[in-house]
Protein backbone atom coordinates (compact mmCIF):
# COMPACT_ATOMS: atom_id res chain seq x y z
CA MET A 1 17.94 1.27 0.04
CA GLN A 2 16.11 3.46 -2.46
CA ARG A 3 15.27 0.40 -4.55
CA VAL A 4 13.65 -1.23 -1.50
CA VAL A 5 11.63 1.92 -0.84
CA ALA A 6 10.52 1.97 -4.49
CA ILE A 7 9.35 -1.63 -4.28
CA LEU A 8 7.44 -0.98 -1.04
CA ARG A 9 5.81 2.10 -2.59
CA PHE A 10 5.01 0.10 -5.72
CA VAL A 11 2.94 -2.39 -3.70
CA ARG A 12 1.47 0.38 -1.48
CA LEU A 13 2.70 -1.28 1.69
CA PRO A 14 1.14 0.96 4.41
CA LEU A 15 -2.46 -0.21 4.01
CA VAL A 16 -1.52 -3.90 4.09
CA TRP A 17 -2.29 -3.73 7.83
CA THR A 18 -5.97 -3.22 6.99
CA ALA A 19 -5.97 -6.43 4.95
CA LEU A 20 -4.46 -8.34 7.86
CA ALA A 21 -7.02 -6.82 10.22
CA ASP A 22 -9.86 -7.91 7.93
CA VAL A 23 -8.75 -11.50 7.46
CA LEU A 24 -8.07 -11.98 11.17
CA ALA A 25 -11.40 -10.35 12.03
CA GLY A 26 -13.13 -12.91 9.84
CA ALA A 27 -11.39 -15.68 11.74
CA ALA A 28 -12.05 -14.06 15.12
CA VAL A 29 -15.77 -13.54 14.55
CA ALA A 30 -16.09 -17.13 13.30
CA ALA A 31 -14.20 -18.41 16.37
CA GLY A 32 -16.44 -16.55 18.81
CA SER A 33 -13.90 -16.28 21.62
CA PRO A 34 -10.20 -15.52 22.19
CA ALA A 35 -9.56 -19.13 23.21
CA ALA A 36 -11.02 -20.54 20.00
CA PHE A 37 -9.16 -17.90 17.98
CA ALA A 38 -5.73 -18.94 19.34
CA ARG A 39 -4.96 -21.63 16.75
CA ALA A 40 -1.89 -22.45 14.70
CA ASP A 41 -3.80 -22.98 11.44
CA LEU A 42 -4.29 -19.22 11.19
CA LEU A 43 -0.55 -18.66 10.66
CA PRO A 44 -0.70 -19.26 6.86
CA LEU A 45 -3.00 -16.25 6.64
CA LEU A 46 -0.01 -14.08 7.49
CA LEU A 47 1.35 -15.03 4.06
CA VAL A 48 -1.86 -15.34 2.07
CA SER A 49 -3.63 -12.10 2.96
CA PRO A 50 -0.67 -9.69 2.61
CA GLY A 51 0.44 -11.54 -0.52
CA LEU A 52 -2.95 -11.10 -2.20
CA TYR A 53 -3.27 -7.47 -1.16
CA LEU A 54 0.22 -6.41 -2.19
CA PHE A 55 -0.03 -8.37 -5.45
CA GLY A 56 -3.24 -6.55 -6.32
CA MET A 57 -1.77 -3.13 -5.54
CA GLY A 58 1.35 -3.83 -7.58
CA LEU A 59 -0.60 -5.27 -10.51
CA ASN A 60 -2.70 -2.09 -10.54
CA ASP A 61 0.39 0.08 -10.95
CA LEU A 62 1.98 -2.20 -13.53
CA LEU A 63 -1.10 -2.21 -15.76
CA ASP A 64 -1.55 1.56 -15.34
CA ARG A 65 2.09 2.38 -16.05
CA ARG A 66 1.53 4.09 -19.42
CA ASP A 67 -1.37 6.17 -18.10
CA ASP A 68 0.66 7.14 -15.04
CA VAL A 69 3.62 8.22 -17.20
CA ALA A 70 1.32 10.31 -19.39
CA SER A 71 -0.33 11.99 -16.40
CA GLY A 72 2.89 12.47 -14.43
CA THR A 73 1.66 10.48 -11.45
CA ASP A 74 4.12 10.18 -8.57
CA ARG A 75 4.45 6.40 -8.72
CA PRO A 76 7.74 4.42 -8.78
CA LEU A 77 7.11 2.80 -12.18
CA ALA A 78 5.97 6.03 -13.79
CA ARG A 79 9.03 7.91 -12.48
CA GLY A 80 11.49 5.21 -13.52
CA GLU A 81 12.46 4.37 -9.95
CA LEU A 82 11.51 0.75 -10.62
CA SER A 83 11.79 -1.16 -13.89
CA PRO A 84 8.92 -3.25 -15.31
CA ALA A 85 11.13 -6.33 -14.93
CA ALA A 86 11.64 -5.61 -11.22
CA ALA A 87 7.91 -5.03 -10.86
CA LEU A 88 7.14 -8.40 -12.45
CA SER A 89 9.68 -10.12 -10.21
CA THR A 90 8.05 -8.51 -7.16
CA LEU A 91 4.61 -9.72 -8.24
CA ALA A 92 5.99 -13.24 -8.76
CA VAL A 93 7.42 -13.25 -5.22
CA LEU A 94 4.07 -12.13 -3.82
CA LEU A 95 2.22 -14.87 -5.67
CA GLY A 96 4.79 -17.27 -4.26
CA MET A 97 3.89 -16.05 -0.75
CA VAL A 98 0.24 -16.78 -1.48
CA ALA A 99 1.06 -20.23 -2.86
CA VAL A 100 3.17 -21.16 0.17
CA GLY A 101 0.44 -20.09 2.57
CA ALA A 102 -2.24 -21.80 0.48
CA SER A 103 -0.38 -25.10 0.70
CA PHE A 104 -1.24 -25.31 4.41
CA VAL A 105 -4.99 -24.65 4.23
CA GLY A 106 -8.03 -26.78 3.47
CA GLU A 107 -10.21 -26.87 0.37
CA PRO A 108 -12.81 -24.29 1.52
CA THR A 109 -10.06 -21.77 2.21
CA LEU A 110 -8.40 -22.58 -1.11
CA THR A 111 -11.72 -21.83 -2.79
CA MET A 112 -11.84 -18.37 -1.18
CA ILE A 113 -8.18 -17.70 -2.02
CA ALA A 114 -8.91 -18.55 -5.66
CA PHE A 115 -12.05 -16.37 -5.58
CA THR A 116 -10.15 -13.42 -4.13
CA LEU A 117 -7.25 -13.77 -6.57
CA ALA A 118 -9.71 -13.94 -9.48
CA ALA A 119 -11.49 -10.82 -8.19
CA VAL A 120 -8.13 -9.01 -7.91
CA CYS A 121 -7.14 -9.92 -11.47
CA LEU A 122 -10.56 -9.08 -12.92
CA TYR A 123 -10.59 -5.77 -11.10
CA ASN A 124 -7.20 -4.77 -12.44
CA GLY A 125 -7.68 -6.15 -15.93
CA TRP A 126 -11.21 -4.91 -16.62
CA ALA A 127 -13.51 -3.84 -13.80
CA LYS A 128 -11.60 -0.74 -12.70
CA ARG A 129 -12.25 0.85 -16.11
CA HIS A 130 -15.92 1.34 -15.18
CA THR A 131 -17.23 3.06 -12.07
CA VAL A 132 -19.89 0.52 -11.05
CA THR A 133 -17.80 -2.60 -11.69
CA SER A 134 -14.79 -1.07 -9.97
CA VAL A 135 -16.83 -0.56 -6.81
CA VAL A 136 -18.33 -4.07 -6.94
CA PHE A 137 -15.08 -5.90 -7.60
CA MET A 138 -13.06 -3.95 -5.05
CA ALA A 139 -15.66 -4.81 -2.41
CA ALA A 140 -15.53 -8.44 -3.57
CA CYS A 141 -11.75 -8.50 -3.03
CA ARG A 142 -12.16 -7.33 0.56
CA ALA A 143 -15.09 -9.68 1.21
CA GLY A 144 -13.06 -12.61 -0.10
CA ASN A 145 -10.24 -11.70 2.27
CA VAL A 146 -12.62 -11.74 5.26
CA LEU A 147 -14.03 -15.11 4.21
CA ILE A 148 -10.56 -16.59 3.86
CA GLY A 149 -10.18 -16.10 7.61
CA TRP A 150 -13.71 -17.30 8.31
CA SER A 151 -13.23 -20.51 6.32
CA VAL A 152 -10.06 -21.51 8.18
CA VAL A 153 -11.96 -21.56 11.47
CA THR A 154 -15.28 -23.05 10.34
CA GLY A 155 -14.11 -25.29 7.50
CA GLN A 156 -16.57 -23.63 5.12
CA TRP A 157 -16.94 -20.23 3.48
CA GLN A 158 -20.77 -20.23 3.59
CA PHE A 159 -20.86 -18.00 6.65
CA TRP A 160 -24.66 -17.66 6.66
CA THR A 161 -25.01 -21.25 7.91
CA SER A 162 -22.96 -20.54 11.03
CA PRO A 163 -24.42 -19.82 14.49
CA ARG A 164 -22.43 -16.57 14.30
CA ALA A 165 -23.90 -15.56 10.95
CA GLY A 166 -25.32 -12.36 12.44
CA CYS A 167 -21.90 -11.00 13.35
CA GLY A 168 -20.59 -12.34 10.04
CA TRP A 169 -23.17 -10.33 8.10
CA VAL A 170 -22.36 -7.15 10.03
CA LEU A 171 -18.62 -7.62 9.45
CA LEU A 172 -18.99 -8.26 5.73
CA ILE A 173 -21.46 -5.43 5.18
CA SER A 174 -19.22 -3.01 7.10
CA VAL A 175 -16.09 -4.03 5.19
CA CYS A 176 -17.84 -3.96 1.82
CA ALA A 177 -19.54 -0.61 2.51
CA LEU A 178 -16.31 1.14 3.53
CA THR A 179 -14.40 -0.39 0.61
CA ALA A 180 -17.14 0.53 -1.85
CA ALA A 181 -17.18 4.12 -0.55
CA ALA A 182 -13.41 4.42 -0.98
CA SER A 183 -13.55 2.89 -4.45
CA LEU A 184 -16.44 5.12 -5.55
CA VAL A 185 -14.73 8.32 -4.41
CA SER A 186 -11.50 7.27 -6.13
CA ALA A 187 -13.36 6.46 -9.36
CA LEU A 188 -15.30 9.74 -9.34
CA GLU A 189 -12.09 11.69 -8.81
CA LYS A 190 -10.27 9.90 -11.63
CA ARG A 191 -13.05 9.74 -14.21
CA HIS A 192 -15.22 12.72 -13.44
CA GLY A 193 -12.79 15.21 -11.95
CA MET A 194 -14.40 15.40 -8.51
CA ARG A 195 -12.19 17.67 -6.41
CA THR A 196 -13.74 17.67 -2.94
CA VAL A 197 -16.02 15.56 -0.76
CA ALA A 198 -17.50 17.47 2.16
CA GLY A 199 -14.64 19.94 1.84
CA LEU A 200 -11.94 17.24 1.86
CA ARG A 201 -9.68 16.07 -0.95
CA PRO A 202 -10.91 12.75 -2.42
CA SER A 203 -7.61 11.05 -1.52
CA ARG A 204 -8.14 12.04 2.12
CA VAL A 205 -11.68 10.65 2.10
CA VAL A 206 -10.42 7.37 0.60
CA LEU A 207 -7.76 7.11 3.31
CA ILE A 208 -10.28 7.78 6.07
CA ALA A 209 -12.65 5.12 4.72
CA LEU A 210 -9.88 2.53 4.56
CA LEU A 211 -8.57 3.39 8.02
CA LEU A 212 -12.07 2.85 9.36
CA LEU A 213 -11.86 -0.81 8.30
CA PRO A 214 -9.89 -1.88 11.40
CA VAL A 215 -12.34 0.11 13.53
CA ALA A 216 -15.24 -1.85 12.03
CA ASP A 217 -13.24 -5.06 12.51
CA ALA A 218 -12.67 -4.28 16.18
CA ALA A 219 -16.34 -3.49 16.76
CA CYS A 220 -17.46 -6.75 15.15
CA VAL A 221 -14.90 -8.81 17.07
CA ALA A 222 -16.02 -7.13 20.30
CA ALA A 223 -19.63 -8.03 19.50
CA ALA A 224 -18.69 -11.64 18.76
CA TRP A 225 -16.39 -12.07 21.75
CA GLY A 226 -18.41 -10.18 24.35
CA ALA A 227 -16.50 -8.27 27.00
CA SER A 228 -13.01 -9.22 25.84
CA ALA A 229 -9.97 -7.03 26.42
CA TRP A 230 -8.41 -8.36 23.20
CA ALA A 231 -10.96 -7.02 20.70
CA PRO A 232 -9.44 -3.48 20.58
CA ALA A 233 -6.19 -5.04 19.33
CA TRP A 234 -7.54 -4.64 15.78
CA LEU A 235 -7.32 -0.87 16.22
CA ALA A 236 -3.53 -1.19 16.18
CA ALA A 237 -3.73 -1.47 12.39
CA VAL A 238 -4.53 2.26 12.17
CA PRO A 239 -1.29 3.60 13.75
CA LEU A 240 0.66 0.87 11.97
CA CYS A 241 -0.66 2.12 8.61
CA LEU A 242 0.22 5.71 9.46
CA ALA A 243 3.66 4.83 10.83
CA THR A 244 4.50 2.71 7.78
CA ALA A 245 3.42 5.51 5.43
CA ALA A 246 5.53 8.03 7.34
CA ALA A 247 8.57 5.74 7.22
CA LEU A 248 8.22 5.32 3.45
CA ARG A 249 7.90 9.08 2.96
CA ARG A 250 11.11 9.64 4.93
CA GLY A 251 12.90 6.96 2.93
CA ASN A 252 11.68 8.44 -0.33
CA ARG A 253 12.83 11.95 0.64
CA ARG A 254 16.29 10.69 1.59
CA GLY A 255 16.63 8.92 -1.74
CA GLY A 256 15.57 12.02 -3.62
CA SER A 257 17.92 14.36 -1.78
């Protein structure tokens, strides 16, 4: 059981719900109504979006392993709870998830999947070493995820040509702004020793920014769908993130006792 907990901590599972909320919000805004959103071709996104997100989180830890060991960071790889070989196997499984989901989508969506995967790899391999590029590439990863959902519904990723481009712009700007804020605070803490933001720990500010993503998603879906009772469903991602994090903490404490 402890090995499973270590793997789930390695890929930072709790916030995967925000990635799912983003990709489905992209599809929902593009669809314009609950009836148009209820379509089977969105099911592959349940593999693609979590696979990309979890792969990126795991790749980040794998590439930062030596730095994390040196700094004593409480991460599974750094603490020896998970071997590099197991980490690589986990990443391979996640890429397999993405590949399986990608096999059921059209060319425009494949383009956005490739774009997002490239942004994830460039972020982890180079961009995160610099404050400005880390912010830009992290926002690009989230934007790509939104446009994966959009492209499934519309058959194109060029959202600005759609009749619903207005809501699309608001959704993308909201997602990118919150992601950029979280990335900037994280970078300033790591590279410049920033200890507080408005009296809060930087890690708390990052969490708040990321948990606001489903809130922005819900607001944009509500604007696109009008008076629909289903739009607030995106808010469920917030308690799901918190509940998943709490479950992992309990599992980690049991394993350490």
